[in-house]
Amino acid sequence: MQNNTIQLNTPFRLNAHVCIKNRLFKSAMSEQLATEQHDPTLGLVTLYRTWAAGGIGLCMTGNIMVDRDALGEPKNVVLDEQSNLELFKRWAEAGTENNTQCWAQLNHPGKQIPNFITKEPVAPSAIALENGLEKGFNVPRALDEQEIWEIIGKFANSALLAKKAGFTGVQIHAAHGYLVSQFLSPRHNRRDDQWGGSLENRMRFVLNVYHAIRAKVGTQFPVAIKLNSADFMKDGFSEEDSMQVVSALSDAGIDLIEVSGGTYESPSMMGHKTSTKTREAYFLDYADKLRATTNTPLVVTGGFRSAKGMAEALNSHATDLVGLARPLAVDPDLPNKLMADNQYKMVLRHLTTGFKTIDKMAMLNITWYEHQLERIAKNKAPKANLSEWLSFAKTIYAAGRYAFRSRRA
């Protein structure tokens, strides 16, 4: 790093009001640590206090749902008028220790709701998920105009509550095939009204979500977005579409753009595909292209494992912040180690039960890491050698128990 001018511990001034203490960004991971009322547990407080102590500069929460009737997973946190705001305040207070920025990621799953949670999910259009997911996810019902505006209002309301709770920013989840992503995708959005068809119409939903949030939280409160570089599916959201959406969001005043990619039908965000073999992270080539179209600060998430690779990405100016997710589930002190040793590198082992069908059914590349977060939340050290079969069994047991409870409710 002798010739580098940007170090991992170099502060980043986001705008006139917000300075992030270093260049390390904890990307959202689903924690599955909510109470039965979908409020934060004390385990979430412990988990985020641990990450704050680990040296991360900006810590993004996992999915916080804006509608308690639309849960992507059984134990999602929900932030609305029914929430216990005192528990959210404790969570935000822990996450902002050690001069850490802690932002709330806001989401609506759309049709990405397992069928044991709801019989009739909603989406821009009544189009089922594919690539094997149709077995676990029901065909959605198309939203009507009034429902669309109600969901936009729920995003704005959750953002205001997040600000009141003490989170220092919010992020709109517009990637990975959730509702905002569904509106953007011509594959999933086949509406013939103002919300579908042309890209201008397909991006109307996300722009209205942003403007509604901004109207609630004011001009100085950071509002970010997580956006796919592409869906990597035929007839889906393309790189060209994505770059135009970035341009529109930048013009609208978005504060930070996190670049990711893929959906659960084509999960590039979990390392199944990369955009380059010559650089460490998955989406750096796309980020390079964005630099020609926007001055909005960027985060690239996915694939970073070494201090050297992270510094190279920063100094190439492809990204302003380095997004980390799964590595922080295995080692929450990783930021401190990376900043202390410019040769530090982490290797994550390949997870498999030996059966691809089981790995996919259990979404092992997500649930195994959720079980690591559960350990940290209990003040236990992560367990890098945790058995994939044990993780699979825990996942199936938890899902089955929830499904039974749902049928009895």
Protein backbone atom coordinates (compact mmCIF):
# COMPACT_ATOMS: atom_id res chain seq x y z
CA MET A 1 0.00 0.00 0.00
CA GLN A 2 3.05 2.24 -0.21
CA ASN A 3 1.72 4.26 -3.16
CA ASN A 4 -1.88 4.38 -2.02
CA THR A 5 -3.32 7.67 -0.88
CA ILE A 6 -6.50 6.20 0.63
CA GLN A 7 -6.17 3.83 3.57
CA LEU A 8 -8.90 1.70 5.06
CA ASN A 9 -8.90 3.96 8.11
CA THR A 10 -9.17 7.16 6.04
CA PRO A 11 -12.37 9.01 7.03
CA PHE A 12 -14.97 9.64 4.35
CA ARG A 13 -17.06 12.79 4.32
CA LEU A 14 -20.42 11.76 2.94
CA ASN A 15 -21.77 15.30 2.86
CA ALA A 16 -21.61 18.53 4.82
CA HIS A 17 -23.36 16.90 7.78
CA VAL A 18 -21.98 13.33 7.96
CA CYS A 19 -18.43 12.00 8.19
CA ILE A 20 -17.83 8.23 8.32
CA LYS A 21 -14.76 7.40 10.42
CA ASN A 22 -13.26 4.86 7.99
CA ARG A 23 -13.93 3.18 4.64
CA LEU A 24 -15.40 -0.09 5.96
CA PHE A 25 -19.13 -0.65 5.52
CA LYS A 26 -21.09 -3.53 7.04
CA SER A 27 -23.63 -4.55 4.43
CA ALA A 28 -27.03 -5.85 5.49
CA MET A 29 -27.44 -9.46 6.55
CA SER A 30 -30.70 -11.00 7.69
CA GLU A 31 -30.31 -11.61 11.43
CA GLN A 32 -33.61 -13.38 12.19
CA LEU A 33 -33.47 -12.05 15.76
CA ALA A 34 -36.87 -10.45 16.25
CA THR A 35 -39.34 -11.07 19.05
CA GLU A 36 -42.73 -12.67 18.35
CA GLN A 37 -44.05 -9.11 18.06
CA HIS A 38 -41.29 -8.40 15.46
CA ASP A 39 -39.45 -5.97 17.70
CA PRO A 40 -35.66 -6.09 18.20
CA THR A 41 -34.42 -8.60 20.76
CA LEU A 42 -31.64 -7.88 23.25
CA GLY A 43 -29.59 -10.23 21.09
CA LEU A 44 -29.67 -7.64 18.31
CA VAL A 45 -28.42 -5.04 20.78
CA THR A 46 -25.51 -7.32 21.69
CA LEU A 47 -24.73 -8.13 18.05
CA TYR A 48 -24.56 -4.50 16.94
CA ARG A 49 -22.59 -3.44 19.99
CA THR A 50 -20.08 -6.15 19.05
CA TRP A 51 -19.81 -4.88 15.48
CA ALA A 52 -19.41 -1.29 16.67
CA ALA A 53 -16.55 -2.38 18.93
CA GLY A 54 -15.04 -4.27 15.98
CA GLY A 55 -14.22 -1.02 14.20
CA ILE A 56 -16.73 -0.84 11.35
CA GLY A 57 -17.29 2.68 10.05
CA LEU A 58 -20.87 2.35 8.79
CA CYS A 59 -23.06 -0.51 9.99
CA MET A 60 -26.21 -1.31 8.02
CA THR A 61 -28.96 -3.27 9.76
CA GLY A 62 -30.52 -6.32 8.19
CA ASN A 63 -33.98 -6.24 6.66
CA ILE A 64 -36.37 -4.07 8.64
CA MET A 65 -39.79 -4.62 7.14
CA VAL A 66 -42.13 -1.69 6.63
CA ASP A 67 -45.31 -3.82 6.68
CA ARG A 68 -45.97 -6.44 9.36
CA ASP A 69 -48.35 -8.19 6.96
CA ALA A 70 -45.50 -8.72 4.51
CA LEU A 71 -42.57 -10.60 6.06
CA GLY A 72 -39.79 -12.04 3.95
CA GLU A 73 -38.75 -14.35 6.79
CA PRO A 74 -40.39 -15.56 10.00
CA LYS A 75 -38.35 -13.51 12.44
CA ASN A 76 -38.00 -10.22 10.57
CA VAL A 77 -38.01 -7.00 12.53
CA VAL A 78 -40.84 -4.62 11.61
CA LEU A 79 -40.82 -0.87 12.22
CA ASP A 80 -44.24 0.76 12.24
CA GLU A 81 -46.70 2.42 14.63
CA GLN A 82 -47.17 -0.84 16.54
CA SER A 83 -43.45 -1.24 17.23
CA ASN A 84 -41.87 -0.83 20.64
CA LEU A 85 -39.70 2.18 19.83
CA GLU A 86 -37.77 1.89 23.09
CA LEU A 87 -36.31 -1.43 21.90
CA PHE A 88 -35.30 0.19 18.60
CA LYS A 89 -33.64 3.00 20.56
CA ARG A 90 -31.56 0.47 22.50
CA TRP A 91 -30.57 -1.19 19.22
CA ALA A 92 -29.60 2.12 17.61
CA GLU A 93 -27.69 3.24 20.70
CA ALA A 94 -25.61 0.05 20.68
CA GLY A 95 -24.98 0.27 16.94
CA THR A 96 -23.72 3.85 17.12
CA GLU A 97 -21.18 3.25 19.91
CA ASN A 98 -17.51 3.88 19.12
CA ASN A 99 -18.42 6.74 16.75
CA THR A 100 -20.08 4.28 14.37
CA GLN A 101 -22.71 5.22 11.82
CA CYS A 102 -25.66 2.81 12.11
CA TRP A 103 -28.30 2.97 9.39
CA ALA A 104 -31.60 1.11 9.12
CA GLN A 105 -32.26 -0.89 5.96
CA LEU A 106 -35.95 -0.68 4.99
CA ASN A 107 -37.58 -3.34 2.88
CA HIS A 108 -40.78 -4.90 1.57
CA PRO A 109 -40.48 -8.45 0.20
CA GLY A 110 -43.23 -8.25 -2.41
CA LYS A 111 -43.70 -11.81 -3.66
CA GLN A 112 -40.53 -13.12 -2.00
CA ILE A 113 -42.52 -14.43 0.95
CA PRO A 114 -42.40 -18.20 1.63
CA ASN A 115 -45.78 -19.86 1.29
CA PHE A 116 -45.75 -20.99 4.92
CA ILE A 117 -45.88 -17.31 5.93
CA THR A 118 -48.59 -16.03 3.61
CA LYS A 119 -51.00 -17.53 1.09
CA GLU A 120 -51.24 -14.46 -1.16
CA PRO A 121 -48.21 -12.18 -1.46
CA VAL A 122 -48.37 -8.99 -3.51
CA ALA A 123 -46.21 -7.75 -6.38
CA PRO A 124 -46.32 -5.34 -9.30
CA SER A 125 -47.75 -8.15 -11.47
CA ALA A 126 -49.20 -11.61 -10.85
CA ILE A 127 -46.06 -13.44 -11.99
CA ALA A 128 -44.62 -16.38 -10.05
CA LEU A 129 -40.99 -16.83 -9.07
CA GLU A 130 -39.13 -19.41 -11.13
CA ASN A 131 -35.94 -21.51 -11.11
CA GLY A 132 -37.35 -23.92 -8.53
CA LEU A 133 -38.62 -21.22 -6.16
CA GLU A 134 -42.21 -21.64 -7.37
CA LYS A 135 -42.50 -24.64 -5.04
CA GLY A 136 -41.96 -22.54 -1.95
CA PHE A 137 -43.48 -19.22 -3.00
CA ASN A 138 -47.08 -18.66 -4.05
CA VAL A 139 -48.15 -16.75 -7.14
CA PRO A 140 -48.62 -13.11 -6.09
CA ARG A 141 -51.57 -10.82 -6.54
CA ALA A 142 -50.95 -7.62 -8.49
CA LEU A 143 -51.08 -4.48 -6.36
CA ASP A 144 -53.69 -1.86 -7.14
CA GLU A 145 -52.97 1.87 -7.28
CA GLN A 146 -54.11 2.61 -3.73
CA GLU A 147 -52.01 -0.21 -2.29
CA ILE A 148 -48.93 1.07 -4.10
CA TRP A 149 -49.31 4.51 -2.53
CA GLU A 150 -49.93 2.92 0.88
CA ILE A 151 -46.66 0.96 0.68
CA ILE A 152 -44.78 4.12 -0.35
CA GLY A 153 -46.23 5.76 2.76
CA LYS A 154 -45.10 2.85 4.91
CA PHE A 155 -41.51 3.22 3.71
CA ALA A 156 -41.63 6.91 4.64
CA ASN A 157 -43.19 6.25 8.03
CA SER A 158 -40.60 3.59 8.89
CA ALA A 159 -37.81 5.98 7.91
CA LEU A 160 -39.15 8.66 10.24
CA LEU A 161 -39.43 6.15 13.09
CA ALA A 162 -35.85 4.99 12.42
CA LYS A 163 -34.67 8.59 12.76
CA LYS A 164 -36.63 9.01 15.99
CA ALA A 165 -35.10 5.80 17.35
CA GLY A 166 -31.58 7.14 16.85
CA PHE A 167 -30.40 5.43 13.67
CA THR A 168 -28.13 7.82 11.79
CA GLY A 169 -29.46 7.07 8.29
CA VAL A 170 -31.67 4.72 6.28
CA GLN A 171 -31.24 2.57 3.20
CA ILE A 172 -33.92 1.56 0.70
CA HIS A 173 -33.48 -2.11 -0.27
CA ALA A 174 -33.99 -2.06 -4.04
CA ALA A 175 -31.96 -5.18 -4.86
CA HIS A 176 -32.11 -8.98 -4.66
CA GLY A 177 -35.61 -9.40 -6.05
CA TYR A 178 -37.60 -7.73 -3.27
CA LEU A 179 -40.54 -5.42 -4.02
CA VAL A 180 -38.64 -2.33 -5.19
CA SER A 181 -36.47 -4.57 -7.37
CA GLN A 182 -39.62 -6.25 -8.72
CA PHE A 183 -41.00 -2.89 -9.84
CA LEU A 184 -37.73 -2.11 -11.64
CA SER A 185 -37.57 -5.44 -13.49
CA PRO A 186 -39.38 -5.82 -16.84
CA ARG A 187 -39.42 -9.56 -16.16
CA HIS A 188 -41.52 -9.11 -13.01
CA ASN A 189 -43.28 -5.83 -13.74
CA ARG A 190 -45.63 -6.14 -16.72
CA ARG A 191 -48.08 -3.46 -15.72
CA ASP A 192 -49.66 -1.23 -18.37
CA ASP A 193 -50.28 1.76 -16.11
CA GLN A 194 -47.96 4.52 -14.84
CA TRP A 195 -46.05 1.99 -12.70
CA GLY A 196 -44.93 -0.32 -15.51
CA GLY A 197 -43.81 -0.66 -19.12
CA SER A 198 -41.08 1.89 -19.87
CA LEU A 199 -38.10 2.25 -17.56
CA GLU A 200 -39.39 5.71 -16.66
CA ASN A 201 -42.57 4.09 -15.37
CA ARG A 202 -40.80 1.15 -13.73
CA MET A 203 -38.55 3.48 -11.72
CA ARG A 204 -41.51 5.60 -10.63
CA PHE A 205 -42.01 3.45 -7.53
CA VAL A 206 -38.47 3.75 -6.18
CA LEU A 207 -38.33 7.48 -6.90
CA ASN A 208 -41.60 8.03 -5.06
CA VAL A 209 -40.31 5.94 -2.13
CA TYR A 210 -37.20 8.12 -2.00
CA HIS A 211 -39.11 11.42 -2.22
CA ALA A 212 -41.62 10.30 0.43
CA ILE A 213 -38.79 9.36 2.79
CA ARG A 214 -36.93 12.61 2.14
CA ALA A 215 -40.07 14.61 2.89
CA LYS A 216 -40.30 12.89 6.29
CA VAL A 217 -36.67 12.91 7.44
CA GLY A 218 -35.43 16.21 6.02
CA THR A 219 -32.45 17.15 3.88
CA GLN A 220 -29.65 16.46 6.39
CA PHE A 221 -30.55 12.85 7.28
CA PRO A 222 -28.75 10.32 5.01
CA VAL A 223 -30.93 8.29 2.65
CA ALA A 224 -29.16 5.52 0.73
CA ILE A 225 -30.18 2.77 -1.65
CA LYS A 226 -29.03 -0.77 -2.35
CA LEU A 227 -29.41 -1.40 -6.08
CA ASN A 228 -28.72 -4.30 -8.41
CA SER A 229 -26.13 -3.78 -11.12
CA ALA A 230 -28.29 -6.33 -12.96
CA ASP A 231 -30.61 -9.26 -12.23
CA PHE A 232 -28.53 -11.63 -14.41
CA MET A 233 -31.73 -13.08 -15.82
CA LYS A 234 -33.16 -13.07 -19.35
CA ASP A 235 -35.55 -10.13 -19.81
CA GLY A 236 -34.66 -8.85 -16.34
CA PHE A 237 -33.22 -5.61 -14.96
CA SER A 238 -30.12 -4.84 -17.05
CA GLU A 239 -26.92 -2.88 -16.49
CA GLU A 240 -28.20 -0.21 -18.86
CA ASP A 241 -31.43 0.08 -16.84
CA SER A 242 -29.47 0.20 -13.60
CA MET A 243 -27.23 3.02 -14.77
CA GLN A 244 -30.24 5.11 -15.77
CA VAL A 245 -31.87 4.49 -12.39
CA VAL A 246 -28.64 5.56 -10.67
CA SER A 247 -28.62 8.74 -12.71
CA ALA A 248 -32.22 9.54 -11.76
CA LEU A 249 -31.62 8.81 -8.07
CA SER A 250 -28.45 10.92 -8.09
CA ASP A 251 -30.34 13.83 -9.62
CA ALA A 252 -33.02 13.38 -6.94
CA GLY A 253 -30.41 13.70 -4.17
CA ILE A 254 -29.74 10.17 -2.90
CA ASP A 255 -26.77 10.22 -0.50
CA LEU A 256 -25.14 6.81 -1.07
CA ILE A 257 -25.54 3.95 -3.55
CA GLU A 258 -24.61 0.39 -2.62
CA VAL A 259 -23.97 -1.79 -5.67
CA SER A 260 -24.98 -5.44 -5.56
CA GLY A 261 -26.55 -7.83 -8.05
CA GLY A 262 -28.79 -10.80 -8.66
CA THR A 263 -31.98 -12.14 -7.14
CA TYR A 264 -32.85 -15.34 -5.31
CA GLU A 265 -33.74 -16.77 -8.73
CA SER A 266 -30.19 -15.95 -9.88
CA PRO A 267 -28.16 -15.33 -6.70
CA SER A 268 -25.09 -13.44 -7.85
CA MET A 269 -24.95 -11.60 -4.52
CA MET A 270 -23.95 -14.87 -2.84
CA GLY A 271 -20.89 -15.34 -5.02
CA HIS A 272 -22.40 -17.56 -7.69
CA LYS A 273 -21.27 -15.19 -10.44
CA THR A 274 -18.68 -12.45 -10.65
CA SER A 275 -18.23 -9.56 -13.03
CA THR A 276 -14.44 -9.91 -13.21
CA LYS A 277 -11.67 -12.39 -12.49
CA THR A 278 -8.90 -9.83 -12.26
CA ARG A 279 -10.22 -7.91 -9.24
CA GLU A 280 -11.29 -9.14 -5.85
CA ALA A 281 -14.91 -7.96 -5.63
CA TYR A 282 -17.84 -9.01 -7.79
CA PHE A 283 -19.17 -5.68 -9.10
CA LEU A 284 -16.15 -3.39 -9.44
CA ASP A 285 -16.26 -3.27 -13.25
CA TYR A 286 -19.84 -2.05 -13.10
CA ALA A 287 -18.87 0.54 -10.45
CA ASP A 288 -16.19 1.84 -12.82
CA LYS A 289 -18.91 2.51 -15.40
CA LEU A 290 -21.03 4.31 -12.82
CA ARG A 291 -18.24 6.77 -12.14
CA ALA A 292 -18.79 8.22 -15.60
CA THR A 293 -22.44 8.94 -14.83
CA THR A 294 -22.61 10.00 -11.18
CA ASN A 295 -20.70 11.76 -8.43
CA THR A 296 -22.86 10.15 -5.74
CA PRO A 297 -20.76 8.16 -3.23
CA LEU A 298 -20.62 4.43 -3.96
CA VAL A 299 -20.28 1.22 -1.95
CA VAL A 300 -19.36 -2.05 -3.63
CA THR A 301 -20.33 -5.17 -1.68
CA GLY A 302 -19.47 -8.77 -2.44
CA GLY A 303 -16.20 -10.69 -2.65
CA PHE A 304 -13.80 -8.50 -0.66
CA ARG A 305 -11.51 -10.66 1.48
CA SER A 306 -8.13 -8.89 1.79
CA ALA A 307 -6.88 -5.53 3.00
CA LYS A 308 -4.84 -5.25 -0.20
CA GLY A 309 -7.82 -5.86 -2.47
CA MET A 310 -9.91 -3.37 -0.55
CA ALA A 311 -7.25 -0.67 -0.71
CA GLU A 312 -6.77 -1.25 -4.44
CA ALA A 313 -10.50 -0.81 -5.03
CA LEU A 314 -10.57 2.43 -3.04
CA ASN A 315 -7.54 3.86 -4.78
CA SER A 316 -8.86 2.97 -8.22
CA HIS A 317 -11.83 5.19 -7.22
CA ALA A 318 -14.28 2.48 -8.25
CA THR A 319 -15.77 2.70 -4.77
CA ASP A 320 -15.71 5.07 -1.81
CA LEU A 321 -16.53 2.46 0.82
CA VAL A 322 -15.85 -1.28 1.01
CA GLY A 323 -18.91 -3.41 1.70
CA LEU A 324 -18.47 -6.48 3.91
CA ALA A 325 -21.14 -8.95 4.98
CA ARG A 326 -20.40 -12.65 5.53
CA PRO A 327 -16.81 -12.06 6.74
CA LEU A 328 -18.23 -10.01 9.62
CA ALA A 329 -20.45 -12.92 10.66
CA VAL A 330 -17.37 -15.08 11.07
CA ASP A 331 -15.17 -12.37 12.62
CA PRO A 332 -16.88 -9.21 13.96
CA ASP A 333 -13.44 -7.76 14.81
CA LEU A 334 -12.34 -7.96 11.17
CA PRO A 335 -12.31 -4.16 10.56
CA ASN A 336 -9.83 -3.61 13.38
CA LYS A 337 -7.61 -6.39 11.99
CA LEU A 338 -7.75 -5.06 8.43
CA MET A 339 -6.83 -1.54 9.52
CA ALA A 340 -3.97 -2.80 11.71
CA ASP A 341 -2.38 -5.06 9.07
CA ASN A 342 -2.34 -4.13 5.37
CA GLN A 343 -1.55 -7.77 4.49
CA TYR A 344 -4.48 -9.21 6.41
CA LYS A 345 -6.69 -11.61 4.48
CA MET A 346 -9.70 -13.74 5.33
CA VAL A 347 -10.67 -16.99 3.63
CA LEU A 348 -14.25 -18.23 3.87
CA ARG A 349 -14.65 -21.95 3.35
CA HIS A 350 -17.05 -23.33 0.77
CA LEU A 351 -20.25 -24.45 2.46
CA THR A 352 -22.00 -27.62 1.33
CA THR A 353 -23.78 -30.64 2.76
CA GLY A 354 -22.55 -32.55 -0.27
CA PHE A 355 -25.99 -32.31 -1.86
CA LYS A 356 -26.70 -29.27 -4.04
CA THR A 357 -30.47 -29.68 -3.73
CA ILE A 358 -30.30 -29.55 0.07
CA ASP A 359 -27.88 -26.61 -0.01
CA LYS A 360 -30.29 -24.67 -2.22
CA MET A 361 -33.41 -25.68 -0.30
CA ALA A 362 -31.91 -24.54 3.00
CA MET A 363 -30.28 -21.45 1.38
CA LEU A 364 -27.15 -22.60 3.18
CA ASN A 365 -25.07 -19.60 2.10
CA ILE A 366 -27.46 -17.41 4.07
CA THR A 367 -28.72 -19.53 6.96
CA TRP A 368 -25.29 -20.81 8.03
CA TYR A 369 -24.22 -17.20 8.54
CA GLU A 370 -27.47 -16.39 10.35
CA HIS A 371 -26.52 -19.09 12.85
CA GLN A 372 -23.16 -17.35 13.37
CA LEU A 373 -25.01 -14.09 14.07
CA GLU A 374 -27.18 -15.96 16.56
CA ARG A 375 -24.04 -17.07 18.41
CA ILE A 376 -22.65 -13.51 18.57
CA ALA A 377 -26.03 -12.28 19.79
CA LYS A 378 -25.70 -14.72 22.69
CA ASN A 379 -22.23 -13.37 23.54
CA LYS A 380 -20.61 -16.46 22.04
CA ALA A 381 -17.74 -16.47 19.58
CA PRO A 382 -18.56 -17.38 15.98
CA LYS A 383 -17.89 -21.02 15.12
CA ALA A 384 -16.11 -21.24 11.78
CA ASN A 385 -16.31 -25.04 11.73
CA LEU A 386 -20.06 -25.17 12.42
CA SER A 387 -21.45 -28.24 10.68
CA GLU A 388 -23.46 -27.56 7.54
CA TRP A 389 -25.77 -30.44 8.47
CA LEU A 390 -26.38 -28.96 11.91
CA SER A 391 -27.13 -25.61 10.32
CA PHE A 392 -29.52 -27.32 7.89
CA ALA A 393 -31.30 -29.10 10.73
CA LYS A 394 -31.70 -25.86 12.69
CA THR A 395 -33.14 -24.14 9.61
CA ILE A 396 -35.66 -26.89 8.89
CA TYR A 397 -36.69 -27.13 12.53
CA ALA A 398 -37.24 -23.37 12.81
CA ALA A 399 -39.19 -23.18 9.55
CA GLY A 400 -41.35 -26.16 10.44
CA ARG A 401 -42.14 -24.81 13.87
CA TYR A 402 -43.12 -21.45 12.39
CA ALA A 403 -45.25 -23.06 9.69
CA PHE A 404 -47.11 -25.08 12.33
CA ARG A 405 -47.67 -22.00 14.46
CA SER A 406 -48.89 -20.06 11.43
CA ARG A 407 -51.48 -22.71 10.60
CA ARG A 408 -52.68 -22.69 14.22
CA ALA A 409 -52.84 -18.88 14.43
